[in-house]
N, C-alpha and C. Protein backbone atom coordinates (compact mmCIF):
# COMPACT_ATOMS: atom_id res chain seq x y z
N MET A 1 0.86 -1.34 -0.10
CA MET A 1 -0.16 0.04 -0.27
C MET A 1 0.95 1.37 0.03
N GLN A 2 0.37 2.45 -0.64
CA GLN A 2 1.15 3.50 -1.07
C GLN A 2 0.27 4.84 -0.58
N LEU A 3 0.35 5.64 0.16
CA LEU A 3 -0.25 6.66 0.25
C LEU A 3 0.42 7.97 0.42
N PHE A 4 0.18 9.38 0.14
CA PHE A 4 0.85 10.66 0.22
C PHE A 4 -0.17 11.01 1.43
N LEU A 5 0.39 11.48 2.53
CA LEU A 5 -0.09 12.18 3.38
C LEU A 5 0.47 13.61 3.42
N ALA A 6 -0.61 14.11 3.29
CA ALA A 6 -0.36 15.63 2.91
C ALA A 6 0.43 16.53 4.27
N ASP A 7 -0.04 16.01 5.42
CA ASP A 7 0.59 16.93 6.87
C ASP A 7 0.17 16.03 7.98
N SER A 8 0.41 16.13 8.98
CA SER A 8 0.73 15.96 10.29
C SER A 8 -0.53 15.21 10.43
N ALA A 9 -1.67 15.86 10.36
CA ALA A 9 -3.20 15.40 10.63
C ALA A 9 -3.65 14.15 10.00
N ALA A 10 -3.22 14.28 8.48
CA ALA A 10 -3.30 13.21 7.69
C ALA A 10 -2.51 12.08 8.13
N THR A 11 -1.37 12.11 8.33
CA THR A 11 -0.41 10.99 9.38
C THR A 11 -1.41 10.54 10.28
N GLU A 12 -1.61 11.41 11.10
CA GLU A 12 -2.31 10.92 12.25
C GLU A 12 -3.91 10.16 11.79
N ALA A 13 -4.73 10.90 10.85
CA ALA A 13 -5.93 10.05 10.44
C ALA A 13 -5.54 8.27 9.89
N ALA A 14 -4.24 8.43 9.17
CA ALA A 14 -3.86 7.18 8.54
C ALA A 14 -3.72 6.08 9.92
N GLY A 15 -2.85 6.58 10.57
CA GLY A 15 -3.13 5.91 12.14
C GLY A 15 -4.30 5.54 12.61
N ALA A 16 -5.28 6.58 12.55
CA ALA A 16 -6.71 6.36 13.17
C ALA A 16 -7.35 5.21 12.55
N ALA A 17 -7.30 5.34 10.97
CA ALA A 17 -7.79 3.97 10.55
C ALA A 17 -7.06 2.90 10.49
N LEU A 18 -5.85 2.98 10.75
CA LEU A 18 -5.29 1.50 11.35
C LEU A 18 -5.87 1.05 12.95
N GLY A 19 -5.48 1.92 13.62
CA GLY A 19 -6.29 1.53 14.82
C GLY A 19 -7.75 1.17 14.57
N ARG A 20 -8.53 1.62 13.93
CA ARG A 20 -10.06 1.20 13.83
C ARG A 20 -10.07 -0.37 13.66
N VAL A 21 -8.96 -0.84 12.37
CA VAL A 21 -8.93 -2.32 12.13
C VAL A 21 -8.03 -3.05 12.85
N LEU A 22 -7.31 -2.69 13.68
CA LEU A 22 -6.40 -3.58 14.49
C LEU A 22 -7.15 -4.69 15.13
N PRO A 23 -6.39 -5.91 14.87
CA PRO A 23 -7.18 -7.14 15.69
C PRO A 23 -6.77 -7.07 17.04
N LYS A 24 -7.53 -7.77 17.83
CA LYS A 24 -6.83 -8.01 19.39
C LYS A 24 -5.92 -9.45 19.30
N GLY A 25 -4.95 -9.39 20.01
CA GLY A 25 -3.90 -10.55 19.70
C GLY A 25 -2.46 -9.92 19.65
N ASP A 26 -1.77 -10.92 19.22
CA ASP A 26 -0.33 -10.31 18.95
C ASP A 26 -0.08 -10.06 17.45
N LEU A 27 0.42 -8.85 17.23
CA LEU A 27 0.95 -8.25 15.96
C LEU A 27 2.31 -7.43 16.38
N VAL A 28 3.29 -7.63 15.17
CA VAL A 28 4.33 -6.91 15.24
C VAL A 28 4.15 -5.95 14.21
N VAL A 29 4.63 -4.52 14.46
CA VAL A 29 4.50 -3.55 13.34
C VAL A 29 5.64 -2.62 13.22
N TYR A 30 6.55 -2.97 12.40
CA TYR A 30 7.85 -2.06 12.47
C TYR A 30 7.45 -0.67 12.00
N LEU A 31 7.72 0.38 12.31
CA LEU A 31 7.92 1.85 11.68
C LEU A 31 8.99 2.55 11.32
N GLN A 32 9.54 2.58 10.39
CA GLN A 32 10.73 2.78 9.81
C GLN A 32 10.68 4.31 9.27
N GLY A 33 11.88 4.98 9.27
CA GLY A 33 11.80 6.46 8.68
C GLY A 33 12.78 7.15 9.32
N ASP A 34 12.95 8.24 8.67
CA ASP A 34 14.18 9.20 9.32
C ASP A 34 13.55 9.71 10.43
N LEU A 35 14.38 10.47 11.05
CA LEU A 35 13.92 11.57 12.28
C LEU A 35 12.73 12.26 11.52
N GLY A 36 11.47 12.51 12.12
CA GLY A 36 10.71 13.76 12.14
C GLY A 36 9.75 13.11 10.59
N ALA A 37 9.94 11.88 10.41
CA ALA A 37 9.30 11.37 9.18
C ALA A 37 7.62 11.07 9.75
N GLY A 38 7.29 11.16 10.94
CA GLY A 38 5.88 10.86 11.25
C GLY A 38 5.54 9.63 12.05
N LYS A 39 6.59 8.76 12.39
CA LYS A 39 6.05 7.75 12.94
C LYS A 39 5.34 7.64 14.18
N THR A 40 5.98 8.47 15.14
CA THR A 40 5.26 8.68 16.33
C THR A 40 3.63 9.41 16.16
N THR A 41 3.72 10.18 15.18
CA THR A 41 2.36 10.89 14.80
C THR A 41 1.32 9.68 14.39
N LEU A 42 1.90 8.85 13.38
CA LEU A 42 0.91 7.73 13.08
C LEU A 42 0.75 6.89 14.53
N VAL A 43 1.42 6.52 15.38
CA VAL A 43 1.04 6.15 16.33
C VAL A 43 0.19 7.08 17.45
N ARG A 44 0.42 7.86 17.34
CA ARG A 44 -0.68 8.68 18.00
C ARG A 44 -1.95 8.86 17.63
N GLY A 45 -2.29 8.55 16.30
CA GLY A 45 -3.59 8.32 15.59
C GLY A 45 -4.23 7.09 15.80
N LEU A 46 -3.38 5.85 15.81
CA LEU A 46 -3.63 4.69 15.97
C LEU A 46 -4.32 4.53 17.69
N LEU A 47 -3.33 5.07 18.51
CA LEU A 47 -3.87 5.17 20.24
C LEU A 47 -5.22 5.79 20.02
N ARG A 48 -5.20 7.23 19.52
CA ARG A 48 -6.26 7.76 20.08
C ARG A 48 -7.42 7.31 19.38
N ALA A 49 -7.25 6.48 18.40
CA ALA A 49 -8.68 5.43 17.72
C ALA A 49 -9.21 4.52 18.82
N LEU A 50 -8.07 4.25 19.32
CA LEU A 50 -8.47 3.19 20.49
C LEU A 50 -9.11 3.51 21.85
N GLY A 51 -9.20 5.03 21.96
CA GLY A 51 -9.69 5.70 23.04
C GLY A 51 -8.68 6.11 24.10
N HIS A 52 -7.27 6.48 23.61
CA HIS A 52 -6.13 7.25 24.51
C HIS A 52 -6.61 8.32 24.44
N SER A 53 -6.82 9.32 25.46
CA SER A 53 -6.71 10.79 25.30
C SER A 53 -5.74 11.38 25.74
N GLY A 54 -4.48 10.68 26.47
CA GLY A 54 -3.58 11.68 26.86
C GLY A 54 -2.47 11.73 25.71
N ARG A 55 -1.64 12.61 26.45
CA ARG A 55 -0.69 12.80 25.39
C ARG A 55 0.40 11.26 24.95
N VAL A 56 0.95 11.35 23.85
CA VAL A 56 1.77 10.14 23.30
C VAL A 56 2.86 10.55 23.09
N PRO A 57 3.88 10.30 23.98
CA PRO A 57 5.54 11.04 23.84
C PRO A 57 5.97 9.72 22.96
N SER A 58 6.81 10.31 22.26
CA SER A 58 8.13 9.34 21.74
C SER A 58 8.60 8.59 22.75
N PRO A 59 8.75 7.29 22.87
CA PRO A 59 9.43 6.69 24.10
C PRO A 59 10.96 6.45 23.88
N THR A 60 11.70 7.59 23.15
CA THR A 60 12.89 7.78 23.14
C THR A 60 14.14 7.51 24.53
N TYR A 61 13.60 7.93 25.23
CA TYR A 61 14.28 7.62 26.50
C TYR A 61 13.85 6.47 27.48
N THR A 62 12.43 6.26 27.27
CA THR A 62 12.21 5.08 28.42
C THR A 62 12.22 3.63 27.36
N LEU A 63 12.35 4.06 26.19
CA LEU A 63 12.21 2.76 25.37
C LEU A 63 11.01 2.18 25.03
N VAL A 64 10.23 1.93 25.94
CA VAL A 64 8.76 1.22 25.63
C VAL A 64 7.64 2.12 26.65
N GLU A 65 6.51 2.45 26.07
CA GLU A 65 5.35 2.82 26.68
C GLU A 65 4.24 1.75 26.63
N PRO A 66 3.78 1.22 27.57
CA PRO A 66 2.75 0.43 27.35
C PRO A 66 1.23 1.04 27.43
N TYR A 67 0.44 0.55 26.86
CA TYR A 67 -0.73 1.08 26.71
C TYR A 67 -1.80 -0.29 27.09
N GLU A 68 -2.73 -0.02 27.60
CA GLU A 68 -4.17 -1.08 27.61
C GLU A 68 -5.12 -0.14 27.08
N LEU A 69 -5.67 -0.54 26.08
CA LEU A 69 -6.71 0.34 25.11
C LEU A 69 -7.62 -0.67 24.21
N ALA A 70 -9.04 -0.51 24.75
CA ALA A 70 -9.76 -1.48 23.77
C ALA A 70 -9.97 -2.67 23.87
N GLY A 71 -9.29 -3.73 25.10
CA GLY A 71 -8.97 -4.82 25.22
C GLY A 71 -7.86 -5.23 24.21
N ARG A 72 -6.86 -4.26 24.33
CA ARG A 72 -5.68 -4.58 23.53
C ARG A 72 -4.59 -4.58 24.36
N SER A 73 -3.56 -4.96 24.34
CA SER A 73 -2.48 -4.76 25.18
C SER A 73 -1.18 -4.14 23.91
N LEU A 74 -0.91 -3.18 23.94
CA LEU A 74 0.18 -2.50 23.26
C LEU A 74 1.16 -1.80 23.74
N ARG A 75 2.50 -2.27 22.75
CA ARG A 75 3.55 -1.61 23.61
C ARG A 75 4.26 -0.79 22.40
N HIS A 76 4.42 0.74 22.56
CA HIS A 76 5.12 1.44 21.61
C HIS A 76 6.57 1.53 21.84
N LEU A 77 7.45 0.94 21.10
CA LEU A 77 9.04 0.69 21.42
C LEU A 77 9.44 2.12 20.55
N ASP A 78 10.53 2.62 20.85
CA ASP A 78 11.46 3.61 20.13
C ASP A 78 13.14 3.23 20.45
N LEU A 79 13.69 2.72 19.55
CA LEU A 79 14.99 2.03 19.79
C LEU A 79 15.91 3.14 19.22
N TYR A 80 15.58 4.28 19.03
CA TYR A 80 16.70 5.22 18.50
C TYR A 80 17.93 5.11 19.31
N ARG A 81 17.49 5.38 20.63
CA ARG A 81 19.02 5.58 21.34
C ARG A 81 19.43 4.13 22.01
N LEU A 82 18.61 3.35 21.72
CA LEU A 82 19.39 1.79 22.06
C LEU A 82 20.75 2.19 21.75
N SER A 83 21.64 1.48 22.62
CA SER A 83 23.28 1.41 22.72
C SER A 83 23.76 0.43 22.19
N ASP A 84 22.76 -0.71 22.46
CA ASP A 84 23.38 -2.17 22.47
C ASP A 84 21.79 -2.78 22.32
N PRO A 85 21.92 -3.66 20.97
CA PRO A 85 20.75 -4.48 20.68
C PRO A 85 20.29 -5.56 21.85
N GLU A 86 21.55 -5.80 22.47
CA GLU A 86 21.30 -6.90 23.45
C GLU A 86 20.18 -6.69 24.83
N GLU A 87 20.19 -5.18 24.55
CA GLU A 87 19.54 -4.64 25.80
C GLU A 87 18.09 -4.93 25.87
N LEU A 88 17.71 -5.41 24.49
CA LEU A 88 16.22 -5.79 24.54
C LEU A 88 15.92 -7.15 25.04
N VAL A 89 17.15 -7.78 25.27
CA VAL A 89 17.10 -9.11 25.98
C VAL A 89 16.59 -8.84 27.58
N TYR A 90 17.10 -7.81 28.15
CA TYR A 90 16.83 -7.26 29.51
C TYR A 90 15.31 -6.77 29.66
N LEU A 91 14.99 -6.06 28.56
CA LEU A 91 13.56 -5.41 28.71
C LEU A 91 12.27 -6.53 28.72
N GLY A 92 12.68 -7.55 28.06
CA GLY A 92 11.74 -8.54 27.90
C GLY A 92 11.08 -8.70 26.85
N VAL A 93 11.87 -8.06 25.49
CA VAL A 93 10.92 -7.71 24.31
C VAL A 93 10.38 -9.29 23.90
N ARG A 94 11.24 -10.48 23.70
CA ARG A 94 10.98 -11.44 23.53
C ARG A 94 9.60 -12.09 23.88
N ASP A 95 9.19 -11.67 25.34
CA ASP A 95 8.26 -12.15 26.32
C ASP A 95 7.05 -11.08 26.06
N MET A 96 7.08 -10.12 25.48
CA MET A 96 5.94 -9.05 25.38
C MET A 96 5.02 -9.74 24.29
N SER A 97 3.66 -9.76 24.78
CA SER A 97 2.61 -10.05 24.12
C SER A 97 1.94 -9.12 23.63
N GLY A 98 0.79 -9.39 22.86
CA GLY A 98 -0.27 -8.16 22.33
C GLY A 98 0.50 -7.27 20.99
N ILE A 99 0.08 -6.03 21.17
CA ILE A 99 0.77 -5.34 19.88
C ILE A 99 1.96 -4.29 20.22
N LEU A 100 2.94 -4.95 19.09
CA LEU A 100 4.06 -4.22 19.39
C LEU A 100 4.24 -3.24 18.23
N LEU A 101 4.49 -1.97 18.44
CA LEU A 101 4.74 -0.98 17.78
C LEU A 101 6.35 -0.26 17.69
N VAL A 102 7.16 -0.56 16.99
CA VAL A 102 8.49 -0.60 16.93
C VAL A 102 8.79 0.54 16.00
N GLU A 103 9.32 1.72 16.69
CA GLU A 103 10.40 2.58 15.91
C GLU A 103 11.53 2.20 15.82
N TRP A 104 12.48 2.49 14.69
CA TRP A 104 13.72 2.30 14.54
C TRP A 104 13.99 0.73 14.76
N PRO A 105 13.12 -0.35 14.11
CA PRO A 105 13.49 -1.78 14.36
C PRO A 105 14.94 -2.17 14.02
N GLU A 106 15.49 -1.32 13.06
CA GLU A 106 16.93 -1.96 12.67
C GLU A 106 18.14 -1.95 13.64
N LYS A 107 17.39 -1.02 15.12
CA LYS A 107 18.50 -0.89 15.68
C LYS A 107 18.67 -2.24 16.67
N GLY A 108 17.55 -3.00 16.69
CA GLY A 108 17.50 -4.21 17.66
C GLY A 108 16.88 -5.61 16.90
N ALA A 109 17.44 -5.20 15.54
CA ALA A 109 17.11 -6.34 14.56
C ALA A 109 17.08 -7.86 14.81
N GLN A 110 18.25 -8.56 15.29
CA GLN A 110 18.26 -9.75 15.79
C GLN A 110 17.73 -10.28 17.31
N TYR A 111 17.02 -9.33 17.95
CA TYR A 111 16.45 -9.43 19.33
C TYR A 111 14.87 -9.17 19.20
N LEU A 112 14.45 -8.88 17.96
CA LEU A 112 13.08 -8.38 18.10
C LEU A 112 12.26 -9.66 17.05
N PRO A 113 10.89 -9.89 17.46
CA PRO A 113 10.21 -10.92 16.42
C PRO A 113 10.25 -10.10 15.14
N GLU A 114 9.74 -11.09 14.30
CA GLU A 114 9.92 -10.45 12.95
C GLU A 114 8.57 -9.81 12.62
N PRO A 115 8.37 -8.87 12.04
CA PRO A 115 7.36 -7.99 11.73
C PRO A 115 6.24 -8.52 10.94
N ASP A 116 4.77 -8.33 11.47
CA ASP A 116 3.59 -8.67 10.39
C ASP A 116 3.48 -7.73 9.45
N LEU A 117 3.83 -6.56 9.66
CA LEU A 117 3.45 -5.34 8.91
C LEU A 117 4.84 -4.55 8.98
N LEU A 118 5.46 -4.13 7.87
CA LEU A 118 6.17 -3.01 7.65
C LEU A 118 5.83 -1.68 7.30
N CYS A 119 5.75 -0.58 7.91
CA CYS A 119 5.37 0.84 7.82
C CYS A 119 6.67 1.66 7.53
N HIS A 120 6.77 2.13 6.29
CA HIS A 120 8.08 2.85 6.02
C HIS A 120 7.26 4.84 5.93
N LEU A 121 7.95 5.44 6.34
CA LEU A 121 7.57 6.82 6.40
C LEU A 121 8.35 7.62 5.70
N ALA A 122 8.23 8.58 4.91
CA ALA A 122 9.49 9.36 4.32
C ALA A 122 8.90 10.68 3.80
N GLN A 123 9.83 11.62 4.24
CA GLN A 123 9.02 13.30 3.62
C GLN A 123 9.00 13.14 2.14
N SER A 124 8.07 13.79 1.64
CA SER A 124 7.68 13.92 0.01
C SER A 124 7.20 15.25 0.21
N GLY A 125 8.19 15.96 -0.63
CA GLY A 125 7.55 17.35 -1.04
C GLY A 125 7.26 18.22 0.75
N THR A 126 5.70 18.35 0.61
CA THR A 126 5.48 19.21 1.75
C THR A 126 4.57 18.41 2.66
N GLY A 127 4.82 16.90 2.09
CA GLY A 127 4.04 16.02 2.98
C GLY A 127 4.74 14.70 3.32
N ARG A 128 4.20 13.81 3.70
CA ARG A 128 5.02 12.31 3.60
C ARG A 128 4.45 11.31 2.64
N ARG A 129 5.30 10.56 2.70
CA ARG A 129 4.58 8.91 1.94
C ARG A 129 4.76 7.86 2.98
N LEU A 130 3.42 7.15 2.86
CA LEU A 130 3.80 5.92 3.58
C LEU A 130 3.40 5.04 2.77
N GLU A 131 4.44 3.92 2.94
CA GLU A 131 4.50 2.72 2.21
C GLU A 131 4.54 1.52 3.38
N THR A 132 3.32 0.51 2.93
CA THR A 132 3.49 -0.71 4.07
C THR A 132 3.59 -2.12 3.01
N GLU A 133 4.08 -2.79 3.85
CA GLU A 133 4.63 -4.35 3.27
C GLU A 133 4.41 -5.09 4.06
N ALA A 134 3.25 -6.30 3.95
CA ALA A 134 3.01 -7.34 4.99
C ALA A 134 3.99 -8.40 4.84
N ARG A 135 4.19 -8.54 5.75
CA ARG A 135 5.41 -9.83 6.17
C ARG A 135 4.64 -11.18 6.89
N SER A 136 3.41 -11.59 6.81
CA SER A 136 2.69 -12.65 7.23
C SER A 136 1.53 -12.39 6.97
N SER A 137 0.77 -13.74 6.87
CA SER A 137 -0.60 -13.51 6.74
C SER A 137 -1.62 -12.67 7.44
N SER A 138 -0.99 -12.69 9.08
CA SER A 138 -2.02 -11.27 9.67
C SER A 138 -1.74 -10.15 9.06
N GLY A 139 -0.37 -9.84 8.77
CA GLY A 139 -0.11 -8.69 8.17
C GLY A 139 -0.75 -8.15 6.70
N MET A 140 -0.84 -9.13 5.95
CA MET A 140 -1.81 -9.28 4.68
C MET A 140 -3.44 -8.85 4.72
N THR A 141 -4.02 -9.37 6.05
CA THR A 141 -5.10 -9.33 6.18
C THR A 141 -5.40 -7.83 6.90
N LEU A 142 -4.30 -7.32 7.52
CA LEU A 142 -4.56 -5.87 8.35
C LEU A 142 -4.43 -5.14 7.39
N GLN A 143 -3.59 -5.21 6.40
CA GLN A 143 -3.32 -4.34 5.27
C GLN A 143 -4.62 -4.04 4.16
N SER A 144 -4.74 -5.33 4.12
CA SER A 144 -6.03 -5.19 2.77
C SER A 144 -7.22 -4.66 3.85
N VAL A 145 -7.62 -4.69 4.87
CA VAL A 145 -8.44 -4.23 5.32
C VAL A 145 -8.24 -2.44 5.91
N TRP A 146 -6.99 -2.38 6.11
CA TRP A 146 -6.80 -0.99 6.32
C TRP A 146 -6.78 -0.10 4.90
N GLU A 147 -6.53 -0.67 3.94
CA GLU A 147 -6.42 -0.01 2.78
C GLU A 147 -7.84 0.57 2.40
N VAL A 148 -8.97 -0.59 2.53
CA VAL A 148 -10.33 -0.35 2.28
C VAL A 148 -10.76 0.93 3.32
N THR A 149 -10.33 0.81 4.32
CA THR A 149 -11.05 1.71 5.40
C THR A 149 -10.39 3.05 5.07
N ASP A 150 -8.83 3.37 4.65
CA ASP A 150 -8.50 4.52 4.63
C ASP A 150 -8.63 5.04 3.07
N LYS A 151 -9.57 4.55 2.24
CA LYS A 151 -9.79 5.21 1.11
C LYS A 151 -10.94 6.11 1.21
């Protein structure tokens, strides 16, 4: 799937569309892109669609922000400042269940579960381009429902 997102509001709306079709259970979503590409903005929209009304910080320093929303257990991870991928072992990433939303997954590649869905955000003119790639049957189902919902 490829989308052009004109601004932050459109990025948040795309995240909300994803949040509305997000299944319950285990799912891993990798969020890739440069600094300022909109990864946390996409997550903010997703969390708000599930009922979160508070602030959605980027977990750059905490590494993990947990959320319990709409009968789902979510973990928002930001690995940008991870100094050693082995730190993920001590965080218990392999034992985390529910939905994992992982920013900068390349920083912890061998210690992370494989993604069901890969989302890549990039600056494109005055907006952003979102490209997704399903990596599992769960990811394919999610992507196809998200495409329909987002149009």
